[in-house]
Amino acid sequence: MTDTPARLLNLLSLLQTPREWPGSELADRLRVSPRTIRRDIDRLRELGYPVQASQGPLGGYRLVAGTAMPPLLLDDEEAVAIAVGLRTAAGHAVEGIEEASVRALAKLVQVLPSRLRHRVSTLNAATSPMLAGDGPRIDPEDLAVLASSVAAGERLRFAYQAGDGAESRRLVEPHRLVSAGRRWYLVAFDPDRADWRIFRVDRLSDPQRTGVRFEPRELPAEDAAAYVAAKLSWSARSYRAVVTLHAPAEQVRPRLGGAVERLEPVDAGRCRLHTRADSLEWLALRLATLGCEFEVHEPAELADHLRALGDRALRAAGHPEASPAG
């Protein structure tokens, strides 16, 4: 490869991938000598690209963070993905990010080749992001403090206002940030309460990293997003039921699927189910399909609903003991 500008661009493109490149591998990729690679690395440094070299048999070159952001090289798919992402971010819940996203999108679209501009405009015309109302605004600086605390594995201190207006100071072990529509949630372990908690970021203020590291704990869910979704679904449901099932817990558990439930063994042949739902009909249906006898302890409305449902089923079957329709 004798075209020096083109070779430098190809070298820069390789270095922008998150890995360390041995000089011999770069030379093979670009079909030049290791000496040429060293000269090209020096040229990139002169242009402001912070290329770091490490010594030894496993050493090589990689691009690191510098004092200024040099131009990026993007392939077609990366450029389209960033353009679409910026458009989506223009309607996000982070305070001030809309204007910054619009500015960045305008700069990117200006330098996109016509074929890519057409792809971006086609995608934009064919999609409509659904936003969850106006929603609260998030301070990006607070969000940055939370994210850096999660990444560093440091305990975090902040002021928090609960939904009922109660205010408190919290010291937690942050696990993950979860974005859900126009709301952000912090999933963290609260040592004072010896349990996992979810905090709405818009109700959080004055976050401070403590510098105290902690040993990561295992989240009682597949991931943070699933944990938040399950907890929000649980808290939104209006009927809480406690039912004794005449079957072992290990037999019943697979039939509950992915529902948010709690099973407590009572003895070898019974277990107690604690569950919630937004309707009595759904609770009755779930219980009827578990394939075992059961006793309803609460709510009383569920027991009444099951009796009415049973009478309706008996009447439909022409059973002589069915109660008359009311």
Protein backbone atom coordinates (compact mmCIF):
# COMPACT_ATOMS: atom_id res chain seq x y z
CA MET A 1 0.00 0.00 0.00
CA THR A 2 1.82 3.09 -1.27
CA ASP A 3 -0.97 5.68 -0.77
CA THR A 4 0.13 7.23 2.53
CA PRO A 5 -3.12 9.15 3.36
CA ALA A 6 -5.26 6.08 2.64
CA ARG A 7 -2.91 3.89 4.68
CA LEU A 8 -3.07 6.29 7.63
CA LEU A 9 -6.88 6.25 7.51
CA ASN A 10 -6.92 2.45 7.45
CA LEU A 11 -4.42 2.32 10.32
CA LEU A 12 -6.54 4.76 12.33
CA SER A 13 -9.65 2.72 11.64
CA LEU A 14 -7.96 -0.40 13.05
CA LEU A 15 -6.67 1.43 16.12
CA GLN A 16 -10.16 2.72 16.94
CA THR A 17 -11.33 -0.81 17.74
CA PRO A 18 -11.08 -1.56 21.50
CA ARG A 19 -8.01 -3.80 21.48
CA GLU A 20 -4.21 -3.68 21.35
CA TRP A 21 -2.61 -4.32 17.97
CA PRO A 22 0.88 -5.89 17.68
CA GLY A 23 3.00 -3.99 15.16
CA SER A 24 3.56 -7.16 13.12
CA GLU A 25 -0.21 -7.72 12.79
CA LEU A 26 -0.77 -4.13 11.66
CA ALA A 27 2.03 -4.53 9.12
CA ASP A 28 0.42 -7.70 7.77
CA ARG A 29 -3.03 -6.08 7.60
CA LEU A 30 -1.73 -3.04 5.70
CA ARG A 31 0.90 -4.95 3.70
CA VAL A 32 3.80 -2.76 4.76
CA SER A 33 6.89 -3.23 6.89
CA PRO A 34 6.93 -2.85 10.71
CA ARG A 35 9.21 0.16 10.18
CA THR A 36 6.51 1.85 8.07
CA ILE A 37 3.96 1.16 10.80
CA ARG A 38 6.20 2.89 13.34
CA ARG A 39 6.55 5.94 11.05
CA ASP A 40 2.77 6.04 10.50
CA ILE A 41 2.16 5.83 14.26
CA ASP A 42 4.43 8.86 14.70
CA ARG A 43 2.43 10.74 12.04
CA LEU A 44 -0.83 9.99 13.82
CA ARG A 45 0.63 11.27 17.09
CA GLU A 46 1.68 14.48 15.34
CA LEU A 47 -1.94 14.89 14.18
CA GLY A 48 -3.16 14.67 17.78
CA TYR A 49 -4.17 11.01 17.99
CA PRO A 50 -3.02 9.60 21.38
CA VAL A 51 -1.55 6.26 20.29
CA GLN A 52 0.01 4.34 23.17
CA ALA A 53 2.69 1.68 22.69
CA SER A 54 3.49 -1.11 25.14
CA GLN A 55 6.69 -3.18 25.11
CA GLY A 56 7.32 -6.91 25.34
CA PRO A 57 6.21 -9.97 23.38
CA LEU A 58 2.53 -9.19 24.07
CA GLY A 59 2.89 -5.46 23.50
CA GLY A 60 1.45 -3.39 20.72
CA TYR A 61 -0.40 -0.19 19.85
CA ARG A 62 -3.78 1.12 20.93
CA LEU A 63 -5.67 4.41 20.86
CA VAL A 64 -6.24 5.88 24.33
CA ALA A 65 -8.15 8.84 25.72
CA GLY A 66 -6.41 12.18 25.14
CA THR A 67 -6.94 15.81 26.05
CA ALA A 68 -9.05 16.44 22.93
CA MET A 69 -11.29 14.26 20.80
CA PRO A 70 -9.79 13.71 17.33
CA PRO A 71 -12.03 12.92 14.35
CA LEU A 72 -13.56 9.45 14.36
CA LEU A 73 -13.68 7.03 11.46
CA LEU A 74 -16.98 5.19 11.18
CA ASP A 75 -18.09 2.50 8.77
CA ASP A 76 -21.50 2.76 7.10
CA GLU A 77 -23.42 0.74 9.70
CA GLU A 78 -21.83 2.62 12.61
CA ALA A 79 -22.66 6.01 11.08
CA VAL A 80 -26.31 5.08 10.49
CA ALA A 81 -26.64 3.61 13.99
CA ILE A 82 -25.25 6.77 15.61
CA ALA A 83 -27.48 9.05 13.51
CA VAL A 84 -30.62 7.12 14.47
CA GLY A 85 -29.50 6.97 18.10
CA LEU A 86 -28.96 10.73 18.22
CA ARG A 87 -32.43 11.34 16.85
CA THR A 88 -33.90 9.12 19.55
CA ALA A 89 -31.83 10.85 22.23
CA ALA A 90 -33.26 14.20 21.13
CA GLY A 91 -36.46 13.23 22.95
CA HIS A 92 -34.84 11.68 26.01
CA ALA A 93 -35.39 12.45 29.66
CA VAL A 94 -31.87 13.67 30.46
CA GLU A 95 -31.85 17.41 31.05
CA GLY A 96 -30.15 19.29 28.21
CA ILE A 97 -29.37 16.24 26.08
CA GLU A 98 -31.96 17.10 23.43
CA GLU A 99 -30.15 20.22 22.23
CA ALA A 100 -26.75 18.51 22.30
CA SER A 101 -28.16 15.56 20.36
CA VAL A 102 -29.66 17.84 17.70
CA ARG A 103 -26.34 19.67 17.28
CA ALA A 104 -24.38 16.42 17.00
CA LEU A 105 -26.93 14.98 14.55
CA ALA A 106 -26.71 18.10 12.33
CA LYS A 107 -22.91 17.78 12.19
CA LEU A 108 -23.02 14.08 11.41
CA VAL A 109 -25.68 14.35 8.69
CA GLN A 110 -23.71 17.15 7.04
CA VAL A 111 -20.72 14.87 6.38
CA LEU A 112 -22.63 11.67 5.60
CA PRO A 113 -22.41 10.40 2.02
CA SER A 114 -25.68 10.79 0.12
CA ARG A 115 -26.38 7.04 0.21
CA LEU A 116 -26.19 7.07 4.02
CA ARG A 117 -28.24 10.25 4.35
CA HIS A 118 -30.95 8.48 2.37
CA ARG A 119 -30.83 5.45 4.71
CA VAL A 120 -31.07 7.66 7.78
CA SER A 121 -33.95 9.71 6.40
CA THR A 122 -35.79 6.52 5.40
CA LEU A 123 -35.41 5.07 8.89
CA ASN A 124 -36.51 8.32 10.50
CA ALA A 125 -39.57 8.57 8.25
CA ALA A 126 -40.59 4.99 8.97
CA THR A 127 -40.26 5.07 12.77
CA SER A 128 -41.98 6.98 15.54
CA PRO A 129 -40.47 6.76 19.04
CA MET A 130 -43.10 6.36 21.76
CA LEU A 131 -42.36 8.54 24.77
CA ALA A 132 -43.97 8.03 28.15
CA GLY A 133 -45.44 11.54 28.52
CA ASP A 134 -43.54 14.57 29.63
CA GLY A 135 -41.99 12.91 32.64
CA PRO A 136 -39.40 14.33 35.05
CA ARG A 137 -36.06 15.72 33.89
CA ILE A 138 -32.74 14.20 34.95
CA ASP A 139 -29.60 16.21 35.71
CA PRO A 140 -26.88 14.74 33.43
CA GLU A 141 -24.21 15.52 36.04
CA ASP A 142 -26.08 13.45 38.64
CA LEU A 143 -26.44 10.67 36.11
CA ALA A 144 -22.69 10.79 35.42
CA VAL A 145 -21.91 10.50 39.15
CA LEU A 146 -24.21 7.46 39.45
CA ALA A 147 -22.74 5.81 36.36
CA SER A 148 -19.15 6.35 37.49
CA SER A 149 -19.96 4.96 40.94
CA VAL A 150 -21.48 1.85 39.35
CA ALA A 151 -18.45 1.41 37.07
CA ALA A 152 -15.95 1.87 39.93
CA GLY A 153 -17.82 -0.36 42.38
CA GLU A 154 -17.93 2.41 44.99
CA ARG A 155 -20.52 3.03 47.65
CA LEU A 156 -22.76 5.98 46.89
CA ARG A 157 -24.40 8.51 49.21
CA PHE A 158 -27.39 10.68 48.26
CA ALA A 159 -30.56 12.35 49.47
CA TYR A 160 -33.81 10.66 48.47
CA GLN A 161 -37.48 11.62 48.53
CA ALA A 162 -39.89 8.69 48.48
CA GLY A 163 -43.24 8.70 46.70
CA ASP A 164 -45.03 9.65 49.90
CA GLY A 165 -42.75 12.67 50.37
CA ALA A 166 -40.57 11.13 53.12
CA GLU A 167 -36.97 12.31 52.88
CA SER A 168 -33.87 10.34 53.86
CA ARG A 169 -30.12 10.05 53.34
CA ARG A 170 -29.06 6.78 51.76
CA LEU A 171 -25.76 4.93 51.55
CA VAL A 172 -25.94 2.15 48.96
CA GLU A 173 -23.92 -0.22 46.82
CA PRO A 174 -24.96 0.75 43.26
CA HIS A 175 -25.45 -2.11 40.81
CA ARG A 176 -26.89 -0.74 37.55
CA LEU A 177 -28.77 2.18 36.01
CA VAL A 178 -31.93 1.24 34.09
CA SER A 179 -33.66 3.53 31.60
CA ALA A 180 -37.39 2.84 31.26
CA GLY A 181 -39.19 5.20 28.91
CA ARG A 182 -38.64 8.68 30.29
CA ARG A 183 -37.67 7.47 33.75
CA TRP A 184 -34.29 6.34 35.09
CA TYR A 185 -33.88 3.91 37.99
CA LEU A 186 -30.87 3.05 40.14
CA VAL A 187 -30.74 -0.57 41.27
CA ALA A 188 -28.66 -0.84 44.44
CA PHE A 189 -28.16 -2.88 47.58
CA ASP A 190 -28.98 -0.96 50.76
CA PRO A 191 -26.79 -2.31 53.62
CA ASP A 192 -28.82 -0.46 56.27
CA ARG A 193 -31.94 -2.35 55.18
CA ALA A 194 -30.08 -5.52 54.18
CA ASP A 195 -32.01 -5.70 50.91
CA TRP A 196 -32.06 -4.61 47.28
CA ARG A 197 -33.78 -1.34 46.45
CA ILE A 198 -34.87 0.60 43.35
CA PHE A 199 -34.48 4.39 43.41
CA ARG A 200 -36.04 6.78 40.91
CA VAL A 201 -33.21 9.01 39.77
CA ASP A 202 -35.46 12.09 39.47
CA ARG A 203 -36.18 11.79 43.22
CA LEU A 204 -32.50 11.56 44.06
CA SER A 205 -30.30 14.58 44.79
CA ASP A 206 -26.74 15.45 45.82
CA PRO A 207 -25.18 12.09 44.83
CA GLN A 208 -21.64 11.67 46.16
CA ARG A 209 -19.08 8.96 45.53
CA THR A 210 -17.54 7.84 48.82
CA GLY A 211 -14.39 6.20 47.48
CA VAL A 212 -15.23 3.08 49.51
CA ARG A 213 -15.15 -0.06 47.36
CA PHE A 214 -17.48 -3.01 47.91
CA GLU A 215 -17.66 -6.64 46.88
CA PRO A 216 -20.37 -7.00 44.19
CA ARG A 217 -23.44 -8.96 45.28
CA GLU A 218 -25.55 -11.27 43.15
CA LEU A 219 -28.78 -9.60 42.04
CA PRO A 220 -31.86 -11.80 42.68
CA ALA A 221 -32.91 -11.56 39.02
CA GLU A 222 -31.60 -12.33 35.55
CA ASP A 223 -30.49 -8.73 35.08
CA ALA A 224 -31.21 -5.23 36.39
CA ALA A 225 -33.78 -4.41 33.69
CA ALA A 226 -35.76 -7.57 34.46
CA TYR A 227 -35.57 -6.78 38.19
CA VAL A 228 -36.95 -3.27 37.70
CA ALA A 229 -39.69 -4.49 35.36
CA ALA A 230 -40.77 -7.15 37.84
CA LYS A 231 -40.81 -4.78 40.81
CA LEU A 232 -42.73 -2.09 38.95
CA SER A 233 -45.25 -4.67 37.76
CA TRP A 234 -45.62 -6.00 41.31
CA SER A 235 -46.20 -2.61 42.89
CA ALA A 236 -48.74 -1.59 40.24
CA ARG A 237 -51.05 -4.54 40.86
CA SER A 238 -54.02 -4.00 43.13
CA TYR A 239 -54.98 -7.43 44.51
CA ARG A 240 -52.71 -9.29 46.89
CA ALA A 241 -53.53 -12.97 47.43
CA VAL A 242 -52.31 -15.59 49.91
CA VAL A 243 -53.23 -19.15 48.96
CA THR A 244 -52.24 -22.59 50.28
CA LEU A 245 -51.63 -24.99 47.40
CA HIS A 246 -52.00 -28.74 48.00
CA ALA A 247 -48.86 -29.64 46.06
CA PRO A 248 -45.10 -29.45 46.70
CA ALA A 249 -43.45 -26.14 45.82
CA GLU A 250 -41.11 -27.78 43.29
CA GLN A 251 -44.14 -29.17 41.44
CA VAL A 252 -45.99 -25.85 41.33
CA ARG A 253 -43.08 -23.51 40.55
CA PRO A 254 -42.67 -24.48 36.84
CA ARG A 255 -46.39 -23.85 36.26
CA LEU A 256 -46.09 -20.27 37.46
CA GLY A 257 -43.83 -19.40 34.53
CA GLY A 258 -42.10 -16.04 34.78
CA ALA A 259 -44.73 -14.45 37.01
CA VAL A 260 -43.65 -12.50 40.08
CA GLU A 261 -44.57 -14.92 42.83
CA ARG A 262 -43.27 -16.11 46.20
CA LEU A 263 -43.63 -19.72 47.27
CA GLU A 264 -43.08 -20.93 50.84
CA PRO A 265 -43.07 -24.67 51.60
CA VAL A 266 -45.59 -25.57 54.32
CA ASP A 267 -44.85 -29.30 54.50
CA ALA A 268 -43.90 -32.11 52.13
CA GLY A 269 -47.18 -31.89 50.22
CA ARG A 270 -48.22 -28.21 50.50
CA CYS A 271 -46.86 -24.74 49.85
CA ARG A 272 -48.09 -21.18 50.33
CA LEU A 273 -48.31 -18.77 47.41
CA HIS A 274 -48.06 -14.99 47.80
CA THR A 275 -48.99 -13.18 44.60
CA ARG A 276 -50.59 -10.04 43.18
CA ALA A 277 -52.67 -9.21 40.12
CA ASP A 278 -54.70 -6.33 38.76
CA SER A 279 -57.94 -8.34 38.57
CA LEU A 280 -59.77 -11.08 40.46
CA GLU A 281 -60.47 -12.82 37.15
CA TRP A 282 -56.74 -13.21 36.47
CA LEU A 283 -56.06 -14.53 39.99
CA ALA A 284 -58.87 -17.07 39.70
CA LEU A 285 -57.66 -18.23 36.29
CA ARG A 286 -54.08 -18.66 37.51
CA LEU A 287 -55.16 -20.72 40.49
CA ALA A 288 -57.54 -22.89 38.46
CA THR A 289 -54.79 -23.82 36.00
CA LEU A 290 -52.20 -24.91 38.57
CA GLY A 291 -53.62 -28.44 38.60
CA CYS A 292 -54.02 -28.88 42.37
CA GLU A 293 -56.44 -28.24 45.24
CA PHE A 294 -56.04 -24.90 47.04
CA GLU A 295 -57.38 -22.78 49.90
CA VAL A 296 -57.74 -19.00 49.63
CA HIS A 297 -56.73 -17.10 52.78
CA GLU A 298 -57.02 -13.59 51.31
CA PRO A 299 -58.55 -11.55 49.82
CA ALA A 300 -62.14 -12.36 50.69
CA GLU A 301 -63.21 -10.98 47.29
CA LEU A 302 -61.23 -13.73 45.57
CA ALA A 303 -63.02 -16.46 47.54
CA ASP A 304 -66.39 -14.89 46.64
CA HIS A 305 -65.38 -14.66 43.00
CA LEU A 306 -64.34 -18.33 42.92
CA ARG A 307 -67.66 -19.41 44.46
CA ALA A 308 -69.58 -17.43 41.83
CA LEU A 309 -67.38 -18.85 39.11
CA GLY A 310 -67.91 -22.38 40.42
CA ASP A 311 -71.69 -21.97 40.46
CA ARG A 312 -71.59 -20.63 36.91
CA ALA A 313 -69.56 -23.66 35.78
CA LEU A 314 -71.97 -26.08 37.51
CA ARG A 315 -75.00 -24.42 35.89
CA ALA A 316 -73.32 -24.63 32.50
CA ALA A 317 -72.77 -28.36 33.08
CA GLY A 318 -76.39 -28.86 34.22
CA HIS A 319 -75.32 -29.97 37.72
CA PRO A 320 -78.32 -30.36 40.12
CA GLU A 321 -76.42 -28.73 43.06
CA ALA A 322 -75.72 -25.49 41.19
CA SER A 323 -77.04 -22.32 42.83
CA PRO A 324 -79.66 -20.45 40.80
CA ALA A 325 -78.41 -17.51 38.77
CA GLY A 326 -78.80 -14.23 40.70
